[in-house]
Amino acid sequence: MRLARETRGVALRDISEHTRISMRYLEAIESDDYRRLPGGIFNRSFIRAYAKFVGYDENQAIEDYARTLRELGEPEEESSTKAHKSLVYTDDTHSRSPLMTLLLALVILAVLSFCVWAGLHFYQRSLAPKTRPATGQRFAPVRRNTQLLKKMPRIQQTEEGEHEFTV
């Protein structure tokens, strides 16, 4: 592919800018050093984009890539996917049994249900009328101190909307 690129007079920088493929990856493709590429489907995609840009047959470029891998004794990318440990939590079905998951869900549900019940119970108790212990009778209503009320100033409204204080 280097020969096709040089025949057309295209610089690697132009290919990099147009295809958004790093210069070091393009250099690795030209030197058949595929270990410097990211691997997986990216290798084939990079090779196709490079070949298309320089006017080289894309399928021929992929066949050359596969042949080079076989010659180097490296397995082709479909069979040699790199082991990748995800940094994000994923559900591994073999790490926890379904029975344990169900049990955990039931415990969480029970705790949440208890919290809701306790909250409603205490809320209803705070609204319930106060009763005397062991008799079930309500406390007598609070009597107002009428002498204290007589001494408090009263507000009276005058005709013009002003307020007048009297004792």
C-alpha atoms as a PDB file:
ATOM      1  CA  MET A   1       0.000   0.000   0.000  1.00  0.00           C
ATOM      2  CA  ARG A   2       2.983   2.273   0.542  1.00  0.00           C
ATOM      3  CA  LEU A   3       3.772   1.927  -3.152  1.00  0.00           C
ATOM      4  CA  ALA A   4       0.189   2.891  -4.094  1.00  0.00           C
ATOM      5  CA  ARG A   5       0.376   5.908  -1.798  1.00  0.00           C
ATOM      6  CA  GLU A   6       3.726   7.054  -3.160  1.00  0.00           C
ATOM      7  CA  THR A   7       2.545   6.538  -6.769  1.00  0.00           C
ATOM      8  CA  ARG A   8      -0.372   8.869  -6.139  1.00  0.00           C
ATOM      9  CA  GLY A   9       1.905  11.337  -4.331  1.00  0.00           C
ATOM     10  CA  VAL A  10      -0.175  11.389  -1.154  1.00  0.00           C
ATOM     11  CA  ALA A  11       1.498  12.189   2.163  1.00  0.00           C
ATOM     12  CA  LEU A  12       0.729  10.185   5.300  1.00  0.00           C
ATOM     13  CA  ARG A  13      -0.293  13.433   7.004  1.00  0.00           C
ATOM     14  CA  ASP A  14      -3.054  13.937   4.383  1.00  0.00           C
ATOM     15  CA  ILE A  15      -4.349  10.417   4.912  1.00  0.00           C
ATOM     16  CA  SER A  16      -4.272  10.910   8.682  1.00  0.00           C
ATOM     17  CA  GLU A  17      -6.213  14.161   8.488  1.00  0.00           C
ATOM     18  CA  HIS A  18      -8.803  12.784   6.083  1.00  0.00           C
ATOM     19  CA  THR A  19      -9.355   9.372   7.715  1.00  0.00           C
ATOM     20  CA  ARG A  20      -8.738  10.476  11.330  1.00  0.00           C
ATOM     21  CA  ILE A  21      -6.313   7.579  11.764  1.00  0.00           C
ATOM     22  CA  SER A  22      -3.216   8.299  13.837  1.00  0.00           C
ATOM     23  CA  MET A  23       0.078   8.705  11.983  1.00  0.00           C
ATOM     24  CA  ARG A  24       1.683   5.933  14.032  1.00  0.00           C
ATOM     25  CA  TYR A  25      -1.081   3.502  13.014  1.00  0.00           C
ATOM     26  CA  LEU A  26      -0.635   4.411   9.342  1.00  0.00           C
ATOM     27  CA  GLU A  27       3.124   3.877   9.662  1.00  0.00           C
ATOM     28  CA  ALA A  28       2.469   0.504  11.328  1.00  0.00           C
ATOM     29  CA  ILE A  29       0.189  -0.534   8.445  1.00  0.00           C
ATOM     30  CA  GLU A  30       2.812   0.421   5.874  1.00  0.00           C
ATOM     31  CA  SER A  31       5.560  -1.482   7.699  1.00  0.00           C
ATOM     32  CA  ASP A  32       3.298  -4.512   8.347  1.00  0.00           C
ATOM     33  CA  ASP A  33       3.817  -4.100  12.102  1.00  0.00           C
ATOM     34  CA  TYR A  34       0.264  -4.898  13.106  1.00  0.00           C
ATOM     35  CA  ARG A  35       1.145  -5.343  16.770  1.00  0.00           C
ATOM     36  CA  ARG A  36       1.235  -1.542  17.101  1.00  0.00           C
ATOM     37  CA  LEU A  37      -2.399  -1.318  15.991  1.00  0.00           C
ATOM     38  CA  PRO A  38      -5.178  -1.342  18.607  1.00  0.00           C
ATOM     39  CA  GLY A  39      -6.436  -4.763  17.524  1.00  0.00           C
ATOM     40  CA  GLY A  40      -9.833  -6.262  16.899  1.00  0.00           C
ATOM     41  CA  ILE A  41     -12.084  -4.745  14.290  1.00  0.00           C
ATOM     42  CA  PHE A  42     -10.073  -1.515  14.295  1.00  0.00           C
ATOM     43  CA  ASN A  43      -7.234  -3.124  12.353  1.00  0.00           C
ATOM     44  CA  ARG A  44      -9.464  -4.130   9.438  1.00  0.00           C
ATOM     45  CA  SER A  45     -11.268  -0.772   9.509  1.00  0.00           C
ATOM     46  CA  PHE A  46      -8.006   1.172   9.434  1.00  0.00           C
ATOM     47  CA  ILE A  47      -6.654  -0.949   6.579  1.00  0.00           C
ATOM     48  CA  ARG A  48      -9.874  -0.534   4.567  1.00  0.00           C
ATOM     49  CA  ALA A  49      -9.897   3.252   5.081  1.00  0.00           C
ATOM     50  CA  TYR A  50      -6.206   3.547   4.145  1.00  0.00           C
ATOM     51  CA  ALA A  51      -6.646   1.392   1.017  1.00  0.00           C
ATOM     52  CA  LYS A  52      -9.749   3.273  -0.082  1.00  0.00           C
ATOM     53  CA  PHE A  53      -8.031   6.639   0.294  1.00  0.00           C
ATOM     54  CA  VAL A  54      -4.985   5.667  -1.778  1.00  0.00           C
ATOM     55  CA  GLY A  55      -7.100   3.909  -4.429  1.00  0.00           C
ATOM     56  CA  TYR A  56      -5.967   0.390  -3.537  1.00  0.00           C
ATOM     57  CA  ASP A  57      -8.449  -2.525  -3.633  1.00  0.00           C
ATOM     58  CA  GLU A  58      -9.886  -2.808  -0.109  1.00  0.00           C
ATOM     59  CA  ASN A  59     -10.516  -6.574  -0.289  1.00  0.00           C
ATOM     60  CA  GLN A  60      -6.986  -7.165  -1.563  1.00  0.00           C
ATOM     61  CA  ALA A  61      -5.613  -5.095   1.332  1.00  0.00           C
ATOM     62  CA  ILE A  62      -7.573  -7.211   3.847  1.00  0.00           C
ATOM     63  CA  GLU A  63      -6.331 -10.431   2.200  1.00  0.00           C
ATOM     64  CA  ASP A  64      -2.740  -9.130   2.357  1.00  0.00           C
ATOM     65  CA  TYR A  65      -3.283  -8.323   6.035  1.00  0.00           C
ATOM     66  CA  ALA A  66      -4.605 -11.831   6.797  1.00  0.00           C
ATOM     67  CA  ARG A  67      -1.763 -13.448   4.832  1.00  0.00           C
ATOM     68  CA  THR A  68       0.836 -11.365   6.694  1.00  0.00           C
ATOM     69  CA  LEU A  69      -0.649 -12.417  10.029  1.00  0.00           C
ATOM     70  CA  ARG A  70      -0.490 -16.089   9.015  1.00  0.00           C
ATOM     71  CA  GLU A  71       3.129 -15.698   7.872  1.00  0.00           C
ATOM     72  CA  LEU A  72       4.061 -14.117  11.190  1.00  0.00           C
ATOM     73  CA  GLY A  73       2.388 -16.997  12.990  1.00  0.00           C
ATOM     74  CA  GLU A  74      -0.143 -14.770  14.645  1.00  0.00           C
ATOM     75  CA  PRO A  75      -3.776 -15.878  14.733  1.00  0.00           C
ATOM     76  CA  GLU A  76      -6.245 -13.793  12.775  1.00  0.00           C
ATOM     77  CA  GLU A  77      -8.143 -11.162  14.688  1.00  0.00           C
ATOM     78  CA  GLU A  78     -11.466 -13.018  14.801  1.00  0.00           C
ATOM     79  CA  SER A  79      -9.943 -15.784  16.870  1.00  0.00           C
ATOM     80  CA  SER A  80      -7.495 -13.640  18.818  1.00  0.00           C
ATOM     81  CA  THR A  81      -9.635 -11.142  20.582  1.00  0.00           C
ATOM     82  CA  LYS A  82      -7.646  -9.677  23.393  1.00  0.00           C
ATOM     83  CA  ALA A  83      -8.956 -10.434  26.847  1.00  0.00           C
ATOM     84  CA  HIS A  84     -10.500  -7.220  27.999  1.00  0.00           C
ATOM     85  CA  LYS A  85     -11.490  -6.662  31.589  1.00  0.00           C
ATOM     86  CA  SER A  86     -14.261  -4.111  31.705  1.00  0.00           C
ATOM     87  CA  LEU A  87     -13.766  -1.247  34.120  1.00  0.00           C
ATOM     88  CA  VAL A  88     -17.526  -0.893  34.385  1.00  0.00           C
ATOM     89  CA  TYR A  89     -19.568  -3.265  36.527  1.00  0.00           C
ATOM     90  CA  THR A  90     -21.289  -5.848  34.391  1.00  0.00           C
ATOM     91  CA  ASP A  91     -23.533  -8.626  35.583  1.00  0.00           C
ATOM     92  CA  ASP A  92     -21.606 -11.871  35.511  1.00  0.00           C
ATOM     93  CA  THR A  93     -24.248 -14.572  35.695  1.00  0.00           C
ATOM     94  CA  HIS A  94     -21.806 -17.180  36.935  1.00  0.00           C
ATOM     95  CA  SER A  95     -20.600 -15.059  39.872  1.00  0.00           C
ATOM     96  CA  ARG A  96     -23.888 -15.155  41.826  1.00  0.00           C
ATOM     97  CA  SER A  97     -26.670 -17.702  41.805  1.00  0.00           C
ATOM     98  CA  PRO A  98     -30.217 -16.626  40.862  1.00  0.00           C
ATOM     99  CA  LEU A  99     -31.425 -17.842  44.271  1.00  0.00           C
ATOM    100  CA  MET A 100     -28.986 -15.483  46.015  1.00  0.00           C
ATOM    101  CA  THR A 101     -30.120 -12.593  43.811  1.00  0.00           C
ATOM    102  CA  LEU A 102     -33.763 -13.316  44.631  1.00  0.00           C
ATOM    103  CA  LEU A 103     -32.991 -13.540  48.352  1.00  0.00           C
ATOM    104  CA  LEU A 104     -31.140 -10.216  48.248  1.00  0.00           C
ATOM    105  CA  ALA A 105     -34.058  -8.569  46.412  1.00  0.00           C
ATOM    106  CA  LEU A 106     -36.537  -9.887  49.009  1.00  0.00           C
ATOM    107  CA  VAL A 107     -34.426  -8.590  51.902  1.00  0.00           C
ATOM    108  CA  ILE A 108     -34.211  -5.143  50.298  1.00  0.00           C
ATOM    109  CA  LEU A 109     -37.979  -5.166  49.683  1.00  0.00           C
ATOM    110  CA  ALA A 110     -38.656  -6.184  53.296  1.00  0.00           C
ATOM    111  CA  VAL A 111     -36.444  -3.418  54.689  1.00  0.00           C
ATOM    112  CA  LEU A 112     -38.094  -0.784  52.472  1.00  0.00           C
ATOM    113  CA  SER A 113     -41.578  -2.042  53.399  1.00  0.00           C
ATOM    114  CA  PHE A 114     -40.730  -1.873  57.111  1.00  0.00           C
ATOM    115  CA  CYS A 115     -39.450   1.689  56.741  1.00  0.00           C
ATOM    116  CA  VAL A 116     -42.649   2.783  54.993  1.00  0.00           C
ATOM    117  CA  TRP A 117     -44.837   1.054  57.615  1.00  0.00           C
ATOM    118  CA  ALA A 118     -42.884   2.586  60.499  1.00  0.00           C
ATOM    119  CA  GLY A 119     -43.087   6.043  58.952  1.00  0.00           C
ATOM    120  CA  LEU A 120     -46.853   5.795  58.454  1.00  0.00           C
ATOM    121  CA  HIS A 121     -47.359   4.361  61.941  1.00  0.00           C
ATOM    122  CA  PHE A 122     -45.530   7.219  63.653  1.00  0.00           C
ATOM    123  CA  TYR A 123     -47.192   9.799  61.429  1.00  0.00           C
ATOM    124  CA  GLN A 124     -50.654   8.478  62.337  1.00  0.00           C
ATOM    125  CA  ARG A 125     -49.746   8.424  66.031  1.00  0.00           C
ATOM    126  CA  SER A 126     -48.696  12.056  65.865  1.00  0.00           C
ATOM    127  CA  LEU A 127     -52.089  12.997  64.382  1.00  0.00           C
ATOM    128  CA  ALA A 128     -54.184  10.872  66.780  1.00  0.00           C
ATOM    129  CA  PRO A 129     -55.933  12.695  69.678  1.00  0.00           C
ATOM    130  CA  LYS A 130     -54.108  12.530  72.978  1.00  0.00           C
ATOM    131  CA  THR A 131     -55.656  10.154  75.529  1.00  0.00           C
ATOM    132  CA  ARG A 132     -54.891   9.443  79.159  1.00  0.00           C
ATOM    133  CA  PRO A 133     -52.919   6.276  79.694  1.00  0.00           C
ATOM    134  CA  ALA A 134     -54.916   3.177  80.702  1.00  0.00           C
ATOM    135  CA  THR A 135     -58.279   5.002  80.621  1.00  0.00           C
ATOM    136  CA  GLY A 136     -58.750   5.702  76.969  1.00  0.00           C
ATOM    137  CA  GLN A 137     -60.229   9.114  77.855  1.00  0.00           C
ATOM    138  CA  ARG A 138     -59.221  12.247  76.093  1.00  0.00           C
ATOM    139  CA  PHE A 139     -57.486  14.973  77.979  1.00  0.00           C
ATOM    140  CA  ALA A 140     -59.745  17.856  78.906  1.00  0.00           C
ATOM    141  CA  PRO A 141     -59.520  20.752  76.516  1.00  0.00           C
ATOM    142  CA  VAL A 142     -57.261  23.540  77.621  1.00  0.00           C
ATOM    143  CA  ARG A 143     -59.163  26.333  79.322  1.00  0.00           C
ATOM    144  CA  ARG A 144     -58.244  29.795  78.421  1.00  0.00           C
ATOM    145  CA  ASN A 145     -57.286  32.165  81.143  1.00  0.00           C
ATOM    146  CA  THR A 146     -60.008  34.788  80.747  1.00  0.00           C
ATOM    147  CA  GLN A 147     -58.358  37.252  83.114  1.00  0.00           C
ATOM    148  CA  LEU A 148     -55.216  37.197  80.997  1.00  0.00           C
ATOM    149  CA  LEU A 149     -57.280  37.720  77.849  1.00  0.00           C
ATOM    150  CA  LYS A 150     -58.995  40.776  79.371  1.00  0.00           C
ATOM    151  CA  LYS A 151     -55.657  42.421  80.040  1.00  0.00           C
ATOM    152  CA  MET A 152     -54.405  41.918  76.498  1.00  0.00           C
ATOM    153  CA  PRO A 153     -54.724  44.871  74.129  1.00  0.00           C
ATOM    154  CA  ARG A 154     -57.429  44.695  71.512  1.00  0.00           C
ATOM    155  CA  ILE A 155     -57.237  46.032  68.007  1.00  0.00           C
ATOM    156  CA  GLN A 156     -60.217  47.896  66.694  1.00  0.00           C
ATOM    157  CA  GLN A 157     -60.669  49.211  63.176  1.00  0.00           C
ATOM    158  CA  THR A 158     -61.715  52.789  62.663  1.00  0.00           C
ATOM    159  CA  GLU A 159     -63.739  54.149  59.774  1.00  0.00           C
ATOM    160  CA  GLU A 160     -60.754  55.273  57.747  1.00  0.00           C
ATOM    161  CA  GLY A 161     -59.066  51.854  57.833  1.00  0.00           C
ATOM    162  CA  GLU A 162     -56.629  52.790  60.599  1.00  0.00           C
ATOM    163  CA  HIS A 163     -56.240  50.596  63.612  1.00  0.00           C
ATOM    164  CA  GLU A 164     -56.671  51.650  67.146  1.00  0.00           C
ATOM    165  CA  PHE A 165     -55.297  49.855  70.179  1.00  0.00           C
ATOM    166  CA  THR A 166     -57.293  49.703  73.409  1.00  0.00           C
ATOM    167  CA  VAL A 167     -56.549  48.087  76.717  1.00  0.00           C
END
